[in-house]
Amino acid sequence: MLAVILAFGLILKISGRIYPNVSVCGVNVGGMGRADAIQAVQAAVDRSYGSETLTITLPDRTLSLRPDSAAVEVDTEKAVDDAFAYGRSGGPISAIIGWIRCNSEPHDVDISDSLRFDEAYLRDLTQRTANAVETELKQSEVTYSEEDETITVTLGTAKRELDPNALYDAIVAAYGAGQFTGATFDYTVVEPKPVDLSELYRKLCTPSEDASYNEQTHEFKKEVIGYGFDLDAEMERISEAEEGETIVIELGELLPEVTIDSLQAEYFSDTLAAYDSPHTNIAARTANLILAADTIDGTILNPGEVFSFNKIVGERTAEKGYKAAIVYTNGGASEPELGGGVCQVASTIYMCALLADLDIVERTEHMYAVTYVPMGMDATIYWGSLDFKFKNSTAHPLLIRSSVSGGQVHVKLLGTNESDKTVKMTYTVLSTIPWEEVEKVDETKEPGFREVTVTPYTGYRVQTYKEYYDKDGEKLSTEKCAYSSYRKRDKVITVGPEETPPEEPQPTDAPAETPAEAPTEAPAETPVEAPAPAETPT
């Protein structure tokens, strides 16, 4: 076995064939004899070294070496001899190992020793390139002009150096590898210190501030317009500029991205409900309406928070400007009191809360039916005892806008509408309680005196309903909403005492006879009953 192995190794060493997978100048000459290999390699050399231009890519330029410039030649016979010798060094065992390696791994023969070129030309080319590339280090300059309100940045230049010897070796290596394209070579670079505008920014600039909403205080903070320049934008601009370039930065107003108008529009983009109720032209009552509406206007409720009329408006006092106007007392009489009439603001808000389908927490109907909202859709309030409350049962903040103008109380609820349903309010009068006419004698009046001193009201039992409709106007459902009971108030007519007839003189000779007095009856006054309102959608 050993003899066979040694014999095989000896055969390999003296064989006139190049080992497999051995290449010269990109030509696989494995298995070829010397003459065939020289012919094949020479043909490849003529095609490449004799016609192709070698390119070396530098960071800012490209070197192109034409075949005639460098006078590159390849000693193909030496190159083929080197290919033939590959793997055959040593004894027969080494020859076998080399042969096995060539069968498993391709090998390119290094032709550096076979190259012939114009060394002086290459040395001169690399030195000239190094001289052209070389730059001195210059730091960037930053100046500020208070008069022009500008910052001028003149970018510096980097120090660049090229090692001509290293570039020469790279060119020779590319020729040796037959790599005519794709070779790269870098410079030694020392960059100037980066421009830093942060100190000037801190000294000269006031940053802008976006508008914001504070959920704890229910307040919007107005945006702040800044002064100076956009640090991030200018630093990016500098980073993209060429070295040596001059950049002028102008200082001026810095506008915030979010304004209070845009923020409020985002929070309160939808009108959830709106209602206008007409009011009487009574100066004191109108003044009270304006005070209450102005106090409520701008109130914001976060999700889950409860609106309380009495908490927001507070006690109605003369110090706040409230005037005396008619209210209904516990006894049913109409009497002037400070803040009279503000129930209309509460009722108008109640109407909006119903239409917006919000949760009603506390509501009491008036003693008597009112006319400025449909029956069953009013809310009465009284400091210390009666309040109107509703909850923001949406998932977003809610804004109440309320005002008085043009003979009407205006209320809007603004927020974010996430429902595809709308609400319409209706009511049904379940029963009526007619008033009666009552005469009340006032002994201080003259006989025959007659005056209506208490105006009548009909009593009602009313059921209100919510009707739900889809976006196409199709009715979805009807739900009971609230039951309201309004008292009746009788018509009171104050009359004077009955007139006493004068006494007739009695004859002296006849017994006195008292004539029988004829009964007198005041003409009956027929009360006029107002018709019960029909079911009215609002």
Protein backbone atom coordinates (compact mmCIF):
# COMPACT_ATOMS: atom_id res chain seq x y z
CA MET A 1 0.00 0.00 0.00
CA LEU A 2 2.80 2.40 0.92
CA ALA A 3 4.56 1.58 -2.33
CA VAL A 4 1.37 2.32 -4.28
CA ILE A 5 0.94 5.67 -2.48
CA LEU A 6 4.56 6.65 -3.08
CA ALA A 7 4.29 5.61 -6.68
CA PHE A 8 1.13 7.68 -7.13
CA GLY A 9 2.79 10.71 -5.52
CA LEU A 10 5.81 10.33 -7.76
CA ILE A 11 3.59 10.12 -10.83
CA LEU A 12 1.88 13.36 -9.77
CA LYS A 13 5.20 15.16 -9.35
CA ILE A 14 6.51 14.16 -12.74
CA SER A 15 3.19 14.51 -14.54
CA GLY A 16 3.18 17.13 -17.25
CA ARG A 17 -0.30 18.30 -16.23
CA ILE A 18 -1.21 21.19 -13.92
CA TYR A 19 -3.22 20.22 -10.86
CA PRO A 20 -7.01 20.64 -11.15
CA ASN A 21 -8.82 23.94 -10.24
CA VAL A 22 -5.64 26.06 -10.64
CA SER A 23 -6.24 29.38 -12.43
CA VAL A 24 -3.95 31.97 -13.96
CA CYS A 25 -5.31 35.43 -14.85
CA GLY A 26 -8.85 34.07 -14.52
CA VAL A 27 -8.19 31.03 -16.74
CA ASN A 28 -8.67 27.59 -15.23
CA VAL A 29 -5.58 25.75 -16.49
CA GLY A 30 -6.15 22.64 -14.38
CA GLY A 31 -5.33 19.45 -16.26
CA MET A 32 -3.54 21.33 -19.07
CA GLY A 33 -0.02 20.77 -20.31
CA ARG A 34 2.45 23.67 -20.24
CA ALA A 35 2.09 24.65 -23.90
CA ASP A 36 -1.71 24.62 -23.86
CA ALA A 37 -1.74 26.57 -20.61
CA ILE A 38 0.62 29.24 -21.97
CA GLN A 39 -1.55 29.66 -25.04
CA ALA A 40 -4.76 29.95 -23.00
CA VAL A 41 -3.29 32.39 -20.50
CA GLN A 42 -1.72 34.55 -23.19
CA ALA A 43 -5.07 34.89 -24.92
CA ALA A 44 -6.66 36.01 -21.64
CA VAL A 45 -3.83 38.46 -20.95
CA ASP A 46 -4.22 40.00 -24.39
CA ARG A 47 -7.94 40.46 -23.82
CA SER A 48 -7.62 42.03 -20.38
CA TYR A 49 -4.22 43.56 -19.71
CA GLY A 50 -3.92 44.61 -23.31
CA SER A 51 -7.32 46.34 -23.59
CA GLU A 52 -9.04 46.94 -20.24
CA THR A 53 -8.61 50.12 -18.16
CA LEU A 54 -7.90 49.64 -14.48
CA THR A 55 -10.04 51.90 -12.19
CA ILE A 56 -9.38 52.67 -8.53
CA THR A 57 -12.23 54.48 -6.74
CA LEU A 58 -11.17 57.12 -4.20
CA PRO A 59 -13.61 58.97 -1.89
CA ASP A 60 -13.86 62.01 -4.17
CA ARG A 61 -12.40 60.87 -7.51
CA THR A 62 -11.56 57.87 -9.68
CA LEU A 63 -8.16 56.87 -11.07
CA SER A 64 -8.23 55.33 -14.57
CA LEU A 65 -5.11 53.54 -15.86
CA ARG A 66 -5.20 52.71 -19.57
CA PRO A 67 -3.11 49.70 -20.74
CA ASP A 68 -0.69 51.90 -22.69
CA SER A 69 -0.21 54.30 -19.75
CA ALA A 70 1.22 51.78 -17.27
CA ALA A 71 2.73 49.53 -19.96
CA VAL A 72 1.61 46.47 -18.05
CA GLU A 73 2.80 43.09 -19.29
CA VAL A 74 2.56 39.55 -17.93
CA ASP A 75 5.25 36.92 -18.27
CA THR A 76 2.82 34.16 -19.14
CA GLU A 77 5.49 31.44 -19.25
CA LYS A 78 6.58 32.23 -15.69
CA ALA A 79 2.97 32.44 -14.56
CA VAL A 80 2.20 29.03 -16.07
CA ASP A 81 5.36 27.57 -14.51
CA ASP A 82 4.19 28.86 -11.15
CA ALA A 83 0.83 27.19 -11.77
CA PHE A 84 2.56 23.93 -12.69
CA ALA A 85 4.70 24.06 -9.54
CA TYR A 86 1.72 24.67 -7.24
CA GLY A 87 1.15 21.65 -4.97
CA ARG A 88 4.23 19.74 -6.10
CA SER A 89 6.69 21.00 -3.52
CA GLY A 90 8.25 18.34 -1.25
CA GLY A 91 8.13 14.58 -1.73
CA PRO A 92 5.50 12.24 -3.14
CA ILE A 93 3.30 12.49 -0.03
CA SER A 94 3.25 16.30 -0.25
CA ALA A 95 2.37 16.01 -3.94
CA ILE A 96 -0.63 13.84 -3.07
CA ILE A 97 -1.76 16.28 -0.37
CA GLY A 98 -1.46 19.19 -2.81
CA TRP A 99 -3.41 17.30 -5.44
CA ILE A 100 -6.16 16.49 -2.96
CA ARG A 101 -6.36 20.13 -1.84
CA CYS A 102 -6.67 21.34 -5.44
CA ASN A 103 -9.52 18.95 -6.05
CA SER A 104 -11.46 20.46 -3.14
CA GLU A 105 -10.37 24.13 -3.23
CA PRO A 106 -9.79 26.36 -6.29
CA HIS A 107 -6.49 28.26 -6.36
CA ASP A 108 -5.56 31.49 -8.19
CA VAL A 109 -1.86 31.80 -8.94
CA ASP A 110 -0.29 35.07 -7.73
CA ILE A 111 1.21 36.67 -10.81
CA SER A 112 2.86 39.59 -9.00
CA ASP A 113 6.30 38.23 -9.82
CA SER A 114 5.25 37.79 -13.44
CA LEU A 115 4.05 41.39 -13.89
CA ARG A 116 6.03 43.96 -15.82
CA PHE A 117 4.91 47.64 -15.76
CA ASP A 118 6.17 51.22 -15.83
CA GLU A 119 7.01 51.68 -12.16
CA ALA A 120 8.09 55.29 -12.61
CA TYR A 121 4.72 56.15 -14.15
CA LEU A 122 2.81 54.53 -11.29
CA ARG A 123 4.99 56.22 -8.64
CA ASP A 124 4.46 59.60 -10.29
CA LEU A 125 0.70 59.03 -10.61
CA THR A 126 0.25 58.08 -6.98
CA GLN A 127 2.36 61.02 -5.74
CA ARG A 128 0.46 63.51 -7.90
CA THR A 129 -2.80 62.09 -6.61
CA ALA A 130 -1.59 62.41 -3.00
CA ASN A 131 -0.64 66.05 -3.62
CA ALA A 132 -4.05 66.82 -5.16
CA VAL A 133 -5.93 65.18 -2.35
CA GLU A 134 -4.07 66.77 0.55
CA THR A 135 -5.97 69.55 2.39
CA GLU A 136 -5.25 71.49 5.56
CA LEU A 137 -7.50 71.33 8.60
CA LYS A 138 -9.68 74.43 9.03
CA GLN A 139 -12.17 74.77 11.88
CA SER A 140 -15.73 76.02 11.33
CA GLU A 141 -16.63 79.61 12.27
CA VAL A 142 -19.87 80.83 13.84
CA THR A 143 -20.75 84.54 14.15
CA TYR A 144 -23.88 86.36 15.41
CA SER A 145 -25.11 89.75 14.20
CA GLU A 146 -27.46 91.39 16.66
CA GLU A 147 -28.28 94.13 14.16
CA ASP A 148 -29.31 91.74 11.37
CA GLU A 149 -30.62 89.09 13.77
CA THR A 150 -28.67 86.41 11.91
CA ILE A 151 -26.18 83.68 12.71
CA THR A 152 -23.57 82.95 10.04
CA VAL A 153 -21.94 79.52 9.96
CA THR A 154 -18.91 78.97 7.73
CA LEU A 155 -18.13 75.28 7.69
CA GLY A 156 -14.52 74.22 8.06
CA THR A 157 -12.55 71.78 5.94
CA ALA A 158 -11.12 68.43 6.92
CA LYS A 159 -7.46 67.51 6.74
CA ARG A 160 -7.01 64.80 4.09
CA GLU A 161 -3.90 62.75 3.40
CA LEU A 162 -3.20 59.93 0.92
CA ASP A 163 -0.30 57.52 1.32
CA PRO A 164 1.21 57.27 -2.20
CA ASN A 165 3.12 54.06 -1.38
CA ALA A 166 -0.01 52.36 -0.13
CA LEU A 167 -1.91 53.49 -3.24
CA TYR A 168 0.95 52.12 -5.43
CA ASP A 169 0.70 48.75 -3.68
CA ALA A 170 -3.08 48.73 -4.16
CA ILE A 171 -2.70 49.31 -7.90
CA VAL A 172 -0.10 46.54 -8.22
CA ALA A 173 -2.33 44.18 -6.21
CA ALA A 174 -5.29 44.94 -8.50
CA TYR A 175 -3.17 44.16 -11.56
CA GLY A 176 -1.88 41.01 -9.90
CA ALA A 177 -5.42 39.81 -9.15
CA GLY A 178 -6.68 40.79 -12.59
CA GLN A 179 -9.26 43.03 -10.82
CA PHE A 180 -9.74 45.90 -13.25
CA THR A 181 -12.88 47.39 -11.61
CA GLY A 182 -14.34 47.62 -8.11
CA ALA A 183 -11.11 48.39 -6.24
CA THR A 184 -11.39 51.22 -3.66
CA PHE A 185 -8.92 53.24 -1.62
CA ASP A 186 -9.54 55.59 1.32
CA TYR A 187 -7.83 58.69 2.67
CA THR A 188 -6.63 59.47 6.15
CA VAL A 189 -9.09 62.15 7.30
CA VAL A 190 -9.11 64.48 10.32
CA GLU A 191 -12.49 66.22 10.55
CA PRO A 192 -12.98 69.73 12.00
CA LYS A 193 -14.81 69.99 15.29
CA PRO A 194 -18.57 69.71 14.78
CA VAL A 195 -20.57 72.93 14.84
CA ASP A 196 -22.46 73.36 18.11
CA LEU A 197 -25.25 75.95 18.16
CA SER A 198 -26.71 74.89 21.50
CA GLU A 199 -24.99 77.63 23.49
CA LEU A 200 -26.22 80.35 21.12
CA TYR A 201 -29.67 78.78 21.22
CA ARG A 202 -29.78 78.95 25.02
CA LYS A 203 -28.53 82.52 24.97
CA LEU A 204 -30.65 83.99 22.18
CA CYS A 205 -33.78 81.87 21.86
CA THR A 206 -37.05 81.52 23.67
CA PRO A 207 -38.68 78.24 22.65
CA SER A 208 -42.32 78.14 21.59
CA GLU A 209 -44.83 76.20 23.67
CA ASP A 210 -47.81 74.25 22.38
CA ALA A 211 -51.25 74.90 23.77
CA SER A 212 -52.34 72.28 26.28
CA TYR A 213 -55.35 71.14 28.30
CA ASN A 214 -55.13 70.54 32.04
CA GLU A 215 -57.65 67.90 33.10
CA GLN A 216 -57.29 68.80 36.78
CA THR A 217 -58.06 72.51 36.37
CA HIS A 218 -60.28 72.10 33.28
CA GLU A 219 -58.31 74.89 31.65
CA PHE A 220 -56.68 75.34 28.29
CA LYS A 221 -53.24 76.89 28.35
CA LYS A 222 -52.69 79.23 25.42
CA GLU A 223 -49.78 78.60 23.11
CA VAL A 224 -46.59 80.67 23.47
CA ILE A 225 -44.89 82.13 20.40
CA GLY A 226 -41.13 81.75 20.73
CA TYR A 227 -38.18 83.62 19.25
CA GLY A 228 -34.98 82.41 17.68
CA PHE A 229 -34.43 79.48 15.34
CA ASP A 230 -35.26 75.81 15.07
CA LEU A 231 -32.18 74.16 16.53
CA ASP A 232 -32.86 70.66 15.22
CA ALA A 233 -33.72 71.86 11.71
CA GLU A 234 -30.63 74.06 11.44
CA MET A 235 -28.33 71.35 12.75
CA GLU A 236 -29.70 68.98 10.12
CA ARG A 237 -29.17 71.66 7.48
CA ILE A 238 -25.56 72.05 8.58
CA SER A 239 -25.00 68.29 8.55
CA GLU A 240 -26.14 68.13 4.91
CA ALA A 241 -24.02 71.11 3.75
CA GLU A 242 -20.70 70.82 1.94
CA GLU A 243 -17.46 71.67 3.76
CA GLY A 244 -16.51 75.31 3.37
CA GLU A 245 -20.14 76.26 2.68
CA THR A 246 -21.61 79.35 4.36
CA ILE A 247 -25.05 79.08 5.97
CA VAL A 248 -27.02 82.10 7.20
CA ILE A 249 -29.61 81.44 9.94
CA GLU A 250 -32.28 84.11 10.40
CA LEU A 251 -33.77 84.57 13.87
CA GLY A 252 -37.48 85.30 14.18
CA GLU A 253 -40.79 84.12 15.61
CA LEU A 254 -41.08 80.43 16.40
CA LEU A 255 -44.67 79.34 15.93
CA PRO A 256 -45.96 76.42 18.03
CA GLU A 257 -47.39 73.37 16.31
CA VAL A 258 -50.52 73.29 18.49
CA THR A 259 -52.60 76.43 19.07
CA ILE A 260 -55.45 76.80 21.52
CA ASP A 261 -57.88 77.09 18.60
CA SER A 262 -56.67 73.89 16.98
CA LEU A 263 -56.63 72.08 20.35
CA GLN A 264 -60.18 73.15 21.20
CA ALA A 265 -61.27 72.19 17.71
CA GLU A 266 -59.73 68.77 18.25
CA TYR A 267 -61.34 68.28 21.68
CA PHE A 268 -64.70 69.84 20.79
CA SER A 269 -65.06 69.14 17.09
CA ASP A 270 -68.72 68.09 17.20
CA THR A 271 -71.94 69.74 18.37
CA LEU A 272 -73.59 67.03 20.45
CA ALA A 273 -76.72 69.13 21.04
CA ALA A 274 -77.97 72.71 20.71
CA TYR A 275 -81.15 74.41 21.86
CA ASP A 276 -82.50 77.99 21.92
CA SER A 277 -85.35 78.94 24.25
CA PRO A 278 -87.25 82.27 23.93
CA HIS A 279 -87.42 84.55 26.98
CA THR A 280 -89.75 87.36 27.96
CA ASN A 281 -88.68 90.97 27.60
CA ILE A 282 -88.42 91.77 31.31
CA ALA A 283 -85.23 93.69 32.07
CA ALA A 284 -84.53 92.26 35.54
CA ARG A 285 -85.22 88.69 34.44
CA THR A 286 -83.09 89.09 31.30
CA ALA A 287 -80.21 90.44 33.39
CA ASN A 288 -80.38 87.32 35.57
CA LEU A 289 -80.37 85.05 32.51
CA ILE A 290 -77.27 86.79 31.14
CA LEU A 291 -75.40 86.50 34.46
CA ALA A 292 -76.13 82.78 34.83
CA ALA A 293 -75.39 81.97 31.17
CA ASP A 294 -72.10 83.90 31.23
CA THR A 295 -71.02 82.08 34.41
CA ILE A 296 -71.70 78.67 32.87
CA ASP A 297 -70.23 79.49 29.45
CA GLY A 298 -66.91 77.72 28.91
CA THR A 299 -67.48 75.06 31.57
CA ILE A 300 -65.63 71.84 30.71
CA LEU A 301 -66.55 68.42 32.05
CA ASN A 302 -64.09 65.56 31.83
CA PRO A 303 -65.54 62.09 31.15
CA GLY A 304 -67.53 60.94 34.16
CA GLU A 305 -67.73 64.38 35.80
CA VAL A 306 -71.08 65.81 36.92
CA PHE A 307 -72.39 69.28 36.10
CA SER A 308 -74.17 71.00 39.00
CA PHE A 309 -76.05 74.20 38.20
CA ASN A 310 -75.90 75.49 41.78
CA LYS A 311 -72.20 74.64 42.13
CA ILE A 312 -71.25 76.46 38.92
CA VAL A 313 -73.57 79.47 39.21
CA GLY A 314 -73.49 79.75 42.99
CA GLU A 315 -75.93 81.63 45.18
CA ARG A 316 -77.82 84.35 43.36
CA THR A 317 -77.01 87.53 45.32
CA ALA A 318 -77.26 91.27 44.77
CA GLU A 319 -73.48 91.55 45.12
CA LYS A 320 -73.13 89.41 41.98
CA GLY A 321 -75.58 91.65 40.14
CA TYR A 322 -78.69 89.52 40.35
CA LYS A 323 -82.01 91.34 40.39
CA ALA A 324 -85.45 90.53 41.76
CA ALA A 325 -87.74 88.75 39.32
CA ILE A 326 -90.79 86.53 39.61
CA VAL A 327 -90.42 83.03 41.12
CA TYR A 328 -92.99 80.50 42.33
CA THR A 329 -93.01 80.21 46.11
CA ASN A 330 -93.85 77.06 48.06
CA GLY A 331 -97.37 78.30 48.50
CA GLY A 332 -97.82 78.63 44.77
CA ALA A 333 -97.74 82.40 44.61
CA SER A 334 -95.69 84.38 42.12
CA GLU A 335 -93.33 86.69 43.98
CA PRO A 336 -90.19 88.64 43.08
CA GLU A 337 -86.90 87.18 44.34
CA LEU A 338 -83.21 87.65 43.55
CA GLY A 339 -82.19 85.54 40.58
CA GLY A 340 -85.71 84.92 39.36
CA GLY A 341 -85.79 83.40 35.90
CA VAL A 342 -82.47 81.52 35.93
CA CYS A 343 -84.43 78.27 35.83
CA GLN A 344 -84.76 78.94 32.11
CA VAL A 345 -80.98 78.53 31.70
CA ALA A 346 -81.13 75.25 33.64
CA SER A 347 -84.05 74.07 31.50
CA THR A 348 -82.27 74.92 28.25
CA ILE A 349 -79.21 72.96 29.39
CA TYR A 350 -81.50 70.08 30.40
CA MET A 351 -82.96 70.05 26.89
CA CYS A 352 -79.44 69.79 25.43
CA ALA A 353 -78.49 67.02 27.86
CA LEU A 354 -81.56 65.06 26.76
CA LEU A 355 -80.82 65.54 23.07
CA ALA A 356 -77.16 64.53 23.62
CA ASP A 357 -78.39 61.39 25.43
CA LEU A 358 -76.38 62.16 28.57
CA ASP A 359 -77.07 60.71 32.01
CA ILE A 360 -79.37 62.92 34.10
CA VAL A 361 -78.36 62.85 37.76
CA GLU A 362 -80.87 65.28 39.33
CA ARG A 363 -83.84 67.11 37.85
CA THR A 364 -87.12 68.51 39.22
CA GLU A 365 -89.94 69.91 37.11
CA HIS A 366 -91.43 73.33 37.86
CA MET A 367 -94.46 73.78 40.10
CA TYR A 368 -96.40 74.94 37.03
CA ALA A 369 -95.85 74.16 33.35
CA VAL A 370 -93.57 76.65 31.59
CA THR A 371 -93.72 77.82 27.99
CA TYR A 372 -90.10 78.35 26.95
CA VAL A 373 -89.42 74.59 26.58
CA PRO A 374 -91.82 71.75 25.75
CA MET A 375 -93.71 70.27 28.67
CA GLY A 376 -91.81 67.67 30.64
CA MET A 377 -88.48 69.05 29.47
CA ASP A 378 -87.91 71.81 32.02
CA ALA A 379 -85.76 71.84 35.16
CA THR A 380 -86.26 74.06 38.18
CA ILE A 381 -83.52 75.02 40.61
CA TYR A 382 -83.46 76.81 43.97
CA TRP A 383 -80.40 77.66 46.01
CA GLY A 384 -79.99 75.31 48.95
CA SER A 385 -82.67 72.83 47.99
CA LEU A 386 -83.18 72.12 44.29
CA ASP A 387 -80.36 71.52 41.80
CA PHE A 388 -80.03 70.34 38.21
CA LYS A 389 -77.21 67.87 37.52
CA PHE A 390 -76.11 65.72 34.59
CA LYS A 391 -73.06 63.57 33.94
CA ASN A 392 -70.68 63.69 31.02
CA SER A 393 -71.29 60.06 30.07
CA THR A 394 -69.18 60.31 26.91
CA ALA A 395 -65.56 59.17 26.58
CA HIS A 396 -64.27 62.69 25.84
CA PRO A 397 -64.27 66.15 27.46
CA LEU A 398 -67.46 68.18 27.08
CA LEU A 399 -67.69 71.97 26.64
CA ILE A 400 -70.80 74.01 27.52
CA ARG A 401 -71.37 77.21 25.55
CA SER A 402 -74.22 79.36 26.84
CA SER A 403 -75.30 82.90 26.05
CA VAL A 404 -78.33 85.20 25.85
CA SER A 405 -79.08 87.32 22.78
CA GLY A 406 -81.87 88.15 20.38
CA GLY A 407 -84.56 87.31 22.90
CA GLN A 408 -83.34 83.74 23.37
CA VAL A 409 -81.18 81.64 25.68
CA HIS A 410 -78.63 79.72 23.59
CA VAL A 411 -76.93 76.52 24.78
CA LYS A 412 -74.56 74.17 22.94
CA LEU A 413 -72.81 71.04 24.13
CA LEU A 414 -69.57 70.46 22.24
CA GLY A 415 -67.46 67.30 22.32
CA THR A 416 -66.60 64.26 20.23
CA ASN A 417 -69.51 62.39 18.71
CA GLU A 418 -68.93 58.65 18.54
CA SER A 419 -72.56 57.64 18.13
CA ASP A 420 -74.36 57.13 14.84
CA LYS A 421 -77.74 57.72 16.53
CA THR A 422 -79.70 60.94 17.04
CA VAL A 423 -82.33 61.74 19.66
CA LYS A 424 -85.66 63.48 19.27
CA MET A 425 -87.78 64.41 22.31
CA THR A 426 -91.56 63.99 22.47
CA TYR A 427 -94.13 64.10 25.24
CA THR A 428 -97.65 62.93 25.96
CA VAL A 429 -100.12 64.67 28.28
CA LEU A 430 -101.50 61.84 30.39
CA SER A 431 -104.10 63.97 32.16
CA THR A 432 -105.09 67.55 32.90
CA ILE A 433 -106.26 69.16 36.13
CA PRO A 434 -108.53 72.11 35.35
CA TRP A 435 -108.40 75.19 37.50
CA GLU A 436 -111.40 76.66 39.28
CA GLU A 437 -112.54 80.22 39.84
CA VAL A 438 -112.48 81.34 43.46
CA GLU A 439 -113.80 84.63 44.87
CA LYS A 440 -112.05 86.20 47.79
CA VAL A 441 -113.75 89.00 49.72
CA ASP A 442 -111.55 91.91 50.72
CA GLU A 443 -113.37 94.03 53.32
CA THR A 444 -110.99 96.90 52.64
CA LYS A 445 -112.30 97.30 49.13
CA GLU A 446 -115.33 99.22 48.04
CA PRO A 447 -118.54 97.32 47.46
CA GLY A 448 -118.70 96.23 43.84
CA PHE A 449 -114.89 95.95 43.54
CA ARG A 450 -113.85 93.00 41.38
CA GLU A 451 -110.30 92.15 40.15
CA VAL A 452 -108.41 89.01 39.09
CA THR A 453 -105.51 88.84 41.57
CA VAL A 454 -104.22 85.33 40.85
CA THR A 455 -103.93 84.08 37.28
CA PRO A 456 -104.85 80.45 36.70
CA TYR A 457 -102.73 77.53 35.56
CA THR A 458 -103.93 74.14 34.40
CA GLY A 459 -102.29 71.14 35.98
CA TYR A 460 -100.79 68.39 33.83
CA ARG A 461 -99.42 64.89 34.14
CA VAL A 462 -96.83 64.48 31.40
CA GLN A 463 -94.65 61.61 30.18
CA THR A 464 -91.61 62.45 28.03
CA TYR A 465 -89.95 60.05 25.58
CA LYS A 466 -86.64 59.73 23.76
CA GLU A 467 -86.92 58.60 20.18
CA TYR A 468 -83.72 57.17 18.67
CA TYR A 469 -83.01 57.43 14.94
CA ASP A 470 -80.19 56.05 12.80
CA LYS A 471 -78.06 58.12 10.43
CA ASP A 472 -80.58 57.54 7.62
CA GLY A 473 -83.45 58.91 9.68
CA GLU A 474 -85.01 55.54 10.39
CA LYS A 475 -86.58 55.25 13.83
CA LEU A 476 -84.85 52.65 15.99
CA SER A 477 -86.66 52.75 19.33
CA THR A 478 -88.64 54.83 21.82
CA GLU A 479 -87.83 54.96 25.53
CA LYS A 480 -89.55 56.59 28.47
CA CYS A 481 -87.52 59.48 29.78
CA ALA A 482 -89.15 61.37 32.65
CA TYR A 483 -92.51 61.81 34.33
CA SER A 484 -93.56 65.35 35.26
CA SER A 485 -96.43 66.50 37.44
CA TYR A 486 -97.50 70.15 37.24
CA ARG A 487 -99.94 71.64 39.73
CA LYS A 488 -103.04 73.59 38.87
CA ARG A 489 -103.52 77.11 40.20
CA ASP A 490 -107.00 78.42 40.65
CA LYS A 491 -108.10 81.76 39.33
CA VAL A 492 -108.67 84.09 42.30
CA ILE A 493 -110.95 87.10 41.96
CA THR A 494 -110.80 89.60 44.76
CA VAL A 495 -114.15 91.31 45.40
CA GLY A 496 -115.37 94.02 47.72
CA PRO A 497 -118.01 93.46 50.44
CA GLU A 498 -121.69 93.39 49.57
CA GLU A 499 -123.41 96.82 49.54
CA THR A 500 -125.76 97.34 52.57
CA PRO A 501 -129.16 98.99 51.59
CA PRO A 502 -130.12 102.24 53.50
CA GLU A 503 -132.75 101.95 56.31
CA GLU A 504 -136.29 103.19 55.46
CA PRO A 505 -137.96 105.66 57.95
CA GLN A 506 -140.63 104.00 60.17
CA PRO A 507 -144.13 105.61 60.70
CA THR A 508 -144.72 106.61 64.25
CA ASP A 509 -148.25 105.16 64.41
CA ALA A 510 -147.58 101.86 62.77
CA PRO A 511 -145.33 99.06 63.83
CA ALA A 512 -142.04 98.99 62.00
CA GLU A 513 -141.77 96.30 59.34
CA THR A 514 -138.39 95.15 58.09
CA PRO A 515 -138.54 94.41 54.38
CA ALA A 516 -137.01 91.13 53.22
CA GLU A 517 -133.66 91.74 51.42
CA ALA A 518 -133.37 90.23 47.96
CA PRO A 519 -130.24 88.07 47.59
CA THR A 520 -127.63 89.40 45.18
CA GLU A 521 -125.31 87.20 43.21
CA ALA A 522 -122.14 88.27 41.45
CA PRO A 523 -122.14 87.27 37.81
CA ALA A 524 -120.39 84.05 37.35
CA GLU A 525 -117.13 84.26 35.44
CA THR A 526 -116.42 81.25 33.30
CA PRO A 527 -112.73 80.25 33.43
CA VAL A 528 -111.08 79.73 30.08
CA GLU A 529 -109.27 76.46 29.96
CA ALA A 530 -106.08 76.37 27.83
CA PRO A 531 -106.06 73.29 25.59
CA ALA A 532 -103.61 70.59 26.53
CA PRO A 533 -100.58 70.66 24.22
CA ALA A 534 -100.39 67.87 21.73
CA GLU A 535 -97.38 65.57 21.55
CA THR A 536 -94.68 67.80 20.11
CA PRO A 537 -91.24 66.64 18.90
CA THR A 538 -88.51 69.13 19.69
